[in-house]
Amino acid sequence: MAVTGNVLIRPLGGLADTASVLGQVLGGLRFEQDFSGKFEEFPAYTAEHDGVLYALLGPPAPEHDFRDDKSNDFFQLLLESEDDGDPDCELSDISDALILKINADGRLMSS
């Protein structure tokens, strides 16, 4: 089963600080700054565990910010996993479970 997720997280300091705390909250994930360009203009910290990519995205620089809502009040956590090309692979959205886990810890707020 492949998983997906999309969670908004209130910043705790900068993106690196939030990524560090988020990694602790999610069981010891080690987020590292992403230089792959996969997330284009969004600065990102990523971690991988059990075939799932966790990406914490910050707001883009003003000159690259083409969002309708230019709020910097949150960072976005995205999850994606490989389905190994199986067309019958079920996709499970675990956003709600992540929100519960993050909020229960108390160091970060998510929605």
C-alpha atoms as a PDB file:
ATOM      1  CA  MET A   1       0.000   0.000   0.000  1.00  0.00           C
ATOM      2  CA  ALA A   2       1.306   3.453  -0.936  1.00  0.00           C
ATOM      3  CA  VAL A   3       0.737   6.447   1.324  1.00  0.00           C
ATOM      4  CA  THR A   4       0.179  10.123   0.765  1.00  0.00           C
ATOM      5  CA  GLY A   5      -0.292  13.073   3.065  1.00  0.00           C
ATOM      6  CA  ASN A   6      -0.593  16.846   3.140  1.00  0.00           C
ATOM      7  CA  VAL A   7      -0.371  18.675   6.475  1.00  0.00           C
ATOM      8  CA  LEU A   8       0.055  22.350   7.361  1.00  0.00           C
ATOM      9  CA  ILE A   9       2.423  23.049  10.268  1.00  0.00           C
ATOM     10  CA  ARG A  10       2.908  26.304  12.154  1.00  0.00           C
ATOM     11  CA  PRO A  11       6.601  27.257  12.089  1.00  0.00           C
ATOM     12  CA  LEU A  12       8.712  26.841  15.182  1.00  0.00           C
ATOM     13  CA  GLY A  13      11.496  29.245  14.307  1.00  0.00           C
ATOM     14  CA  GLY A  14      12.833  28.731  10.796  1.00  0.00           C
ATOM     15  CA  LEU A  15      12.388  25.863   8.386  1.00  0.00           C
ATOM     16  CA  ALA A  16      15.473  23.998   9.657  1.00  0.00           C
ATOM     17  CA  ASP A  17      14.331  24.272  13.295  1.00  0.00           C
ATOM     18  CA  THR A  18      10.835  23.096  12.439  1.00  0.00           C
ATOM     19  CA  ALA A  19      12.232  20.177  10.401  1.00  0.00           C
ATOM     20  CA  SER A  20      14.410  19.112  13.329  1.00  0.00           C
ATOM     21  CA  VAL A  21      11.510  19.088  15.805  1.00  0.00           C
ATOM     22  CA  LEU A  22       9.209  17.421  13.267  1.00  0.00           C
ATOM     23  CA  GLY A  23      11.741  14.644  12.804  1.00  0.00           C
ATOM     24  CA  GLN A  24      11.754  14.022  16.558  1.00  0.00           C
ATOM     25  CA  VAL A  25       7.949  14.067  16.707  1.00  0.00           C
ATOM     26  CA  LEU A  26       7.740  11.529  13.862  1.00  0.00           C
ATOM     27  CA  GLY A  27       9.954   9.009  15.594  1.00  0.00           C
ATOM     28  CA  GLY A  28      13.480  10.125  14.855  1.00  0.00           C
ATOM     29  CA  LEU A  29      13.350  11.031  11.175  1.00  0.00           C
ATOM     30  CA  ARG A  30      16.393  13.004  10.076  1.00  0.00           C
ATOM     31  CA  PHE A  31      15.379  15.841   7.772  1.00  0.00           C
ATOM     32  CA  GLU A  32      18.089  17.292   5.552  1.00  0.00           C
ATOM     33  CA  GLN A  33      18.010  20.320   3.291  1.00  0.00           C
ATOM     34  CA  ASP A  34      16.906  19.310  -0.200  1.00  0.00           C
ATOM     35  CA  PHE A  35      18.943  20.580  -3.130  1.00  0.00           C
ATOM     36  CA  SER A  36      17.437  18.283  -5.777  1.00  0.00           C
ATOM     37  CA  GLY A  37      15.200  20.955  -7.317  1.00  0.00           C
ATOM     38  CA  LYS A  38      12.220  18.615  -7.082  1.00  0.00           C
ATOM     39  CA  PHE A  39      10.209  21.221  -5.205  1.00  0.00           C
ATOM     40  CA  GLU A  40      11.279  24.039  -7.536  1.00  0.00           C
ATOM     41  CA  GLU A  41      11.011  27.445  -5.858  1.00  0.00           C
ATOM     42  CA  PHE A  42      10.010  26.054  -2.450  1.00  0.00           C
ATOM     43  CA  PRO A  43      12.843  25.593   0.056  1.00  0.00           C
ATOM     44  CA  ALA A  44      12.549  22.063   1.420  1.00  0.00           C
ATOM     45  CA  TYR A  45      13.849  19.638   3.996  1.00  0.00           C
ATOM     46  CA  THR A  46      13.307  15.962   3.246  1.00  0.00           C
ATOM     47  CA  ALA A  47      13.548  12.644   5.043  1.00  0.00           C
ATOM     48  CA  GLU A  48      12.918   9.107   3.854  1.00  0.00           C
ATOM     49  CA  HIS A  49      11.754   6.121   5.865  1.00  0.00           C
ATOM     50  CA  ASP A  50      10.393   2.746   4.720  1.00  0.00           C
ATOM     51  CA  GLY A  51       9.982   3.947   1.139  1.00  0.00           C
ATOM     52  CA  VAL A  52       8.079   7.095   2.132  1.00  0.00           C
ATOM     53  CA  LEU A  53       9.422  10.540   1.269  1.00  0.00           C
ATOM     54  CA  TYR A  54       8.596  13.261   3.813  1.00  0.00           C
ATOM     55  CA  ALA A  55       9.056  16.806   2.467  1.00  0.00           C
ATOM     56  CA  LEU A  56       8.667  19.909   4.619  1.00  0.00           C
ATOM     57  CA  LEU A  57       8.245  22.928   2.354  1.00  0.00           C
ATOM     58  CA  GLY A  58       8.740  26.539   3.354  1.00  0.00           C
ATOM     59  CA  PRO A  59       7.437  29.608   1.546  1.00  0.00           C
ATOM     60  CA  PRO A  60       9.292  30.600  -1.620  1.00  0.00           C
ATOM     61  CA  ALA A  61      11.341  33.765  -1.926  1.00  0.00           C
ATOM     62  CA  PRO A  62       9.097  36.754  -2.793  1.00  0.00           C
ATOM     63  CA  GLU A  63      10.340  36.916  -6.384  1.00  0.00           C
ATOM     64  CA  HIS A  64       9.301  33.264  -6.898  1.00  0.00           C
ATOM     65  CA  ASP A  65       6.047  33.382  -4.939  1.00  0.00           C
ATOM     66  CA  PHE A  66       3.185  32.734  -7.334  1.00  0.00           C
ATOM     67  CA  ARG A  67       0.772  31.360  -4.711  1.00  0.00           C
ATOM     68  CA  ASP A  68      -2.722  32.844  -4.473  1.00  0.00           C
ATOM     69  CA  ASP A  69      -2.422  33.001  -0.673  1.00  0.00           C
ATOM     70  CA  LYS A  70       1.010  34.385   0.146  1.00  0.00           C
ATOM     71  CA  SER A  71       0.806  33.529   3.841  1.00  0.00           C
ATOM     72  CA  ASN A  72       3.996  32.596   5.678  1.00  0.00           C
ATOM     73  CA  ASP A  73       2.012  31.392   8.700  1.00  0.00           C
ATOM     74  CA  PHE A  74       2.614  27.723   7.955  1.00  0.00           C
ATOM     75  CA  PHE A  75       4.951  25.207   6.373  1.00  0.00           C
ATOM     76  CA  GLN A  76       3.588  22.308   4.318  1.00  0.00           C
ATOM     77  CA  LEU A  77       4.438  18.664   4.975  1.00  0.00           C
ATOM     78  CA  LEU A  78       3.956  16.397   1.952  1.00  0.00           C
ATOM     79  CA  LEU A  79       4.271  12.611   1.922  1.00  0.00           C
ATOM     80  CA  GLU A  80       4.586  10.309  -1.036  1.00  0.00           C
ATOM     81  CA  SER A  81       5.595   6.709  -1.451  1.00  0.00           C
ATOM     82  CA  GLU A  82       6.477   4.466  -4.321  1.00  0.00           C
ATOM     83  CA  ASP A  83       3.788   2.166  -5.649  1.00  0.00           C
ATOM     84  CA  ASP A  84       6.353   0.133  -7.636  1.00  0.00           C
ATOM     85  CA  GLY A  85       4.356   0.781 -10.796  1.00  0.00           C
ATOM     86  CA  ASP A  86       1.519  -1.464  -9.628  1.00  0.00           C
ATOM     87  CA  PRO A  87      -1.722  -0.072 -11.122  1.00  0.00           C
ATOM     88  CA  ASP A  88      -3.732  -1.890  -8.434  1.00  0.00           C
ATOM     89  CA  CYS A  89      -1.743  -0.391  -5.569  1.00  0.00           C
ATOM     90  CA  GLU A  90      -4.043   1.237  -3.025  1.00  0.00           C
ATOM     91  CA  LEU A  91      -3.226   4.808  -1.997  1.00  0.00           C
ATOM     92  CA  SER A  92      -3.873   5.638   1.650  1.00  0.00           C
ATOM     93  CA  ASP A  93      -4.047   9.257   2.862  1.00  0.00           C
ATOM     94  CA  ILE A  94      -2.525   9.391   6.353  1.00  0.00           C
ATOM     95  CA  SER A  95      -2.880  13.165   6.830  1.00  0.00           C
ATOM     96  CA  ASP A  96      -5.334  12.860   9.729  1.00  0.00           C
ATOM     97  CA  ALA A  97      -3.093  10.407  11.596  1.00  0.00           C
ATOM     98  CA  LEU A  98      -0.112  12.735  11.141  1.00  0.00           C
ATOM     99  CA  ILE A  99      -2.084  15.727  12.428  1.00  0.00           C
ATOM    100  CA  LEU A 100      -3.093  13.770  15.536  1.00  0.00           C
ATOM    101  CA  LYS A 101       0.485  12.644  16.183  1.00  0.00           C
ATOM    102  CA  ILE A 102       1.974  16.101  15.673  1.00  0.00           C
ATOM    103  CA  ASN A 103      -0.610  17.872  17.822  1.00  0.00           C
ATOM    104  CA  ALA A 104      -0.453  15.242  20.593  1.00  0.00           C
ATOM    105  CA  ASP A 105       3.278  15.875  21.025  1.00  0.00           C
ATOM    106  CA  GLY A 106       2.584  19.553  21.743  1.00  0.00           C
ATOM    107  CA  ARG A 107       5.737  21.101  20.295  1.00  0.00           C
ATOM    108  CA  LEU A 108       4.195  21.830  16.890  1.00  0.00           C
ATOM    109  CA  MET A 109       0.677  22.706  15.769  1.00  0.00           C
ATOM    110  CA  SER A 110      -0.741  21.228  12.584  1.00  0.00           C
ATOM    111  CA  SER A 111      -3.955  21.148  10.588  1.00  0.00           C
END
